[in-house]
Amino acid sequence: MHGENRYPVIEQSNQWYARALGLIPSATQTLAKSPTQFVNGVAPKYLQRGQGCHAWDVDGNEYILT
């Protein structure tokens, strides 16, 4: 997180999402898992890796998945 912003920076994720919109209808295969279903930065748009309940997005932000 940066400065007063309480949400992580997701610039790379947003770039990937913009590209996906031109390639995949709704940028996803299911509406339930669509990035449009979550507030930006609350849930990862694109995972890079995971270990146990921890996941990291393409921007390097760590999420704890429950």
C-alpha atoms as a PDB file:
ATOM      1  CA  MET A   1       0.000   0.000   0.000  1.00  0.00           C
ATOM      2  CA  HIS A   2       1.153   3.496  -0.715  1.00  0.00           C
ATOM      3  CA  GLY A   3       0.536   6.774   1.139  1.00  0.00           C
ATOM      4  CA  GLU A   4      -3.006   7.460   2.284  1.00  0.00           C
ATOM      5  CA  ASN A   5      -4.450   4.922  -0.159  1.00  0.00           C
ATOM      6  CA  ARG A   6      -5.652   1.918   1.833  1.00  0.00           C
ATOM      7  CA  TYR A   7      -5.782  -0.272  -1.250  1.00  0.00           C
ATOM      8  CA  PRO A   8      -2.766  -1.874  -2.946  1.00  0.00           C
ATOM      9  CA  VAL A   9      -1.401  -0.514  -6.186  1.00  0.00           C
ATOM     10  CA  ILE A  10      -2.680  -2.705  -9.036  1.00  0.00           C
ATOM     11  CA  GLU A  11      -1.284  -1.002 -12.142  1.00  0.00           C
ATOM     12  CA  GLN A  12       0.013  -4.198 -13.769  1.00  0.00           C
ATOM     13  CA  SER A  13      -3.245  -6.008 -13.001  1.00  0.00           C
ATOM     14  CA  ASN A  14      -5.225  -3.192 -14.614  1.00  0.00           C
ATOM     15  CA  GLN A  15      -3.022  -3.340 -17.722  1.00  0.00           C
ATOM     16  CA  TRP A  16      -3.601  -7.089 -17.999  1.00  0.00           C
ATOM     17  CA  TYR A  17      -7.337  -6.544 -17.479  1.00  0.00           C
ATOM     18  CA  ALA A  18      -7.494  -3.913 -20.243  1.00  0.00           C
ATOM     19  CA  ARG A  19      -5.758  -6.338 -22.603  1.00  0.00           C
ATOM     20  CA  ALA A  20      -8.085  -9.189 -21.608  1.00  0.00           C
ATOM     21  CA  LEU A  21     -11.159  -7.068 -22.378  1.00  0.00           C
ATOM     22  CA  GLY A  22     -10.061  -7.026 -26.017  1.00  0.00           C
ATOM     23  CA  LEU A  23      -9.467 -10.782 -26.123  1.00  0.00           C
ATOM     24  CA  ILE A  24     -12.025 -12.457 -23.831  1.00  0.00           C
ATOM     25  CA  PRO A  25     -15.703 -11.448 -23.492  1.00  0.00           C
ATOM     26  CA  SER A  26     -16.113  -9.821 -20.045  1.00  0.00           C
ATOM     27  CA  ALA A  27     -12.397 -10.655 -19.487  1.00  0.00           C
ATOM     28  CA  THR A  28     -13.358 -13.878 -17.732  1.00  0.00           C
ATOM     29  CA  GLN A  29     -15.059 -17.211 -18.215  1.00  0.00           C
ATOM     30  CA  THR A  30     -17.533 -16.738 -15.352  1.00  0.00           C
ATOM     31  CA  LEU A  31     -19.272 -13.618 -14.086  1.00  0.00           C
ATOM     32  CA  ALA A  32     -18.984 -14.825 -10.469  1.00  0.00           C
ATOM     33  CA  LYS A  33     -15.192 -14.583 -10.656  1.00  0.00           C
ATOM     34  CA  SER A  34     -15.059 -11.473 -12.811  1.00  0.00           C
ATOM     35  CA  PRO A  35     -12.852  -8.619 -11.581  1.00  0.00           C
ATOM     36  CA  THR A  36     -15.956  -6.415 -11.856  1.00  0.00           C
ATOM     37  CA  GLN A  37     -17.462  -8.263  -8.864  1.00  0.00           C
ATOM     38  CA  PHE A  38     -14.892  -6.840  -6.423  1.00  0.00           C
ATOM     39  CA  VAL A  39     -13.609  -3.424  -5.365  1.00  0.00           C
ATOM     40  CA  ASN A  40     -10.229  -2.700  -7.016  1.00  0.00           C
ATOM     41  CA  GLY A  41      -7.452  -3.954  -4.759  1.00  0.00           C
ATOM     42  CA  VAL A  42      -9.666  -6.000  -2.431  1.00  0.00           C
ATOM     43  CA  ALA A  43      -9.294  -9.240  -4.379  1.00  0.00           C
ATOM     44  CA  PRO A  44      -6.561 -10.087  -6.884  1.00  0.00           C
ATOM     45  CA  LYS A  45      -7.371  -9.763 -10.580  1.00  0.00           C
ATOM     46  CA  TYR A  46      -4.446 -11.909 -11.762  1.00  0.00           C
ATOM     47  CA  LEU A  47      -2.517 -14.251  -9.490  1.00  0.00           C
ATOM     48  CA  GLN A  48       1.164 -14.785 -10.024  1.00  0.00           C
ATOM     49  CA  ARG A  49       1.775 -17.389  -7.341  1.00  0.00           C
ATOM     50  CA  GLY A  50       0.356 -18.891  -4.184  1.00  0.00           C
ATOM     51  CA  GLN A  51       1.394 -20.848  -1.133  1.00  0.00           C
ATOM     52  CA  GLY A  52      -1.157 -22.239   1.283  1.00  0.00           C
ATOM     53  CA  CYS A  53      -3.754 -19.519   1.900  1.00  0.00           C
ATOM     54  CA  HIS A  54      -1.414 -16.760   0.663  1.00  0.00           C
ATOM     55  CA  ALA A  55      -1.540 -15.500  -2.905  1.00  0.00           C
ATOM     56  CA  TRP A  56       0.427 -12.799  -4.721  1.00  0.00           C
ATOM     57  CA  ASP A  57      -0.882 -10.888  -7.695  1.00  0.00           C
ATOM     58  CA  VAL A  58       1.104  -9.722 -10.727  1.00  0.00           C
ATOM     59  CA  ASP A  59       1.798  -6.438  -8.910  1.00  0.00           C
ATOM     60  CA  GLY A  60       3.458  -8.237  -5.969  1.00  0.00           C
ATOM     61  CA  ASN A  61       0.613  -7.588  -3.490  1.00  0.00           C
ATOM     62  CA  GLU A  62      -0.012 -10.371  -0.985  1.00  0.00           C
ATOM     63  CA  TYR A  63      -3.569 -11.554  -0.230  1.00  0.00           C
ATOM     64  CA  ILE A  64      -4.768 -14.015   2.390  1.00  0.00           C
ATOM     65  CA  LEU A  65      -7.498 -16.124   0.837  1.00  0.00           C
ATOM     66  CA  THR A  66     -10.208 -17.591   3.038  1.00  0.00           C
END
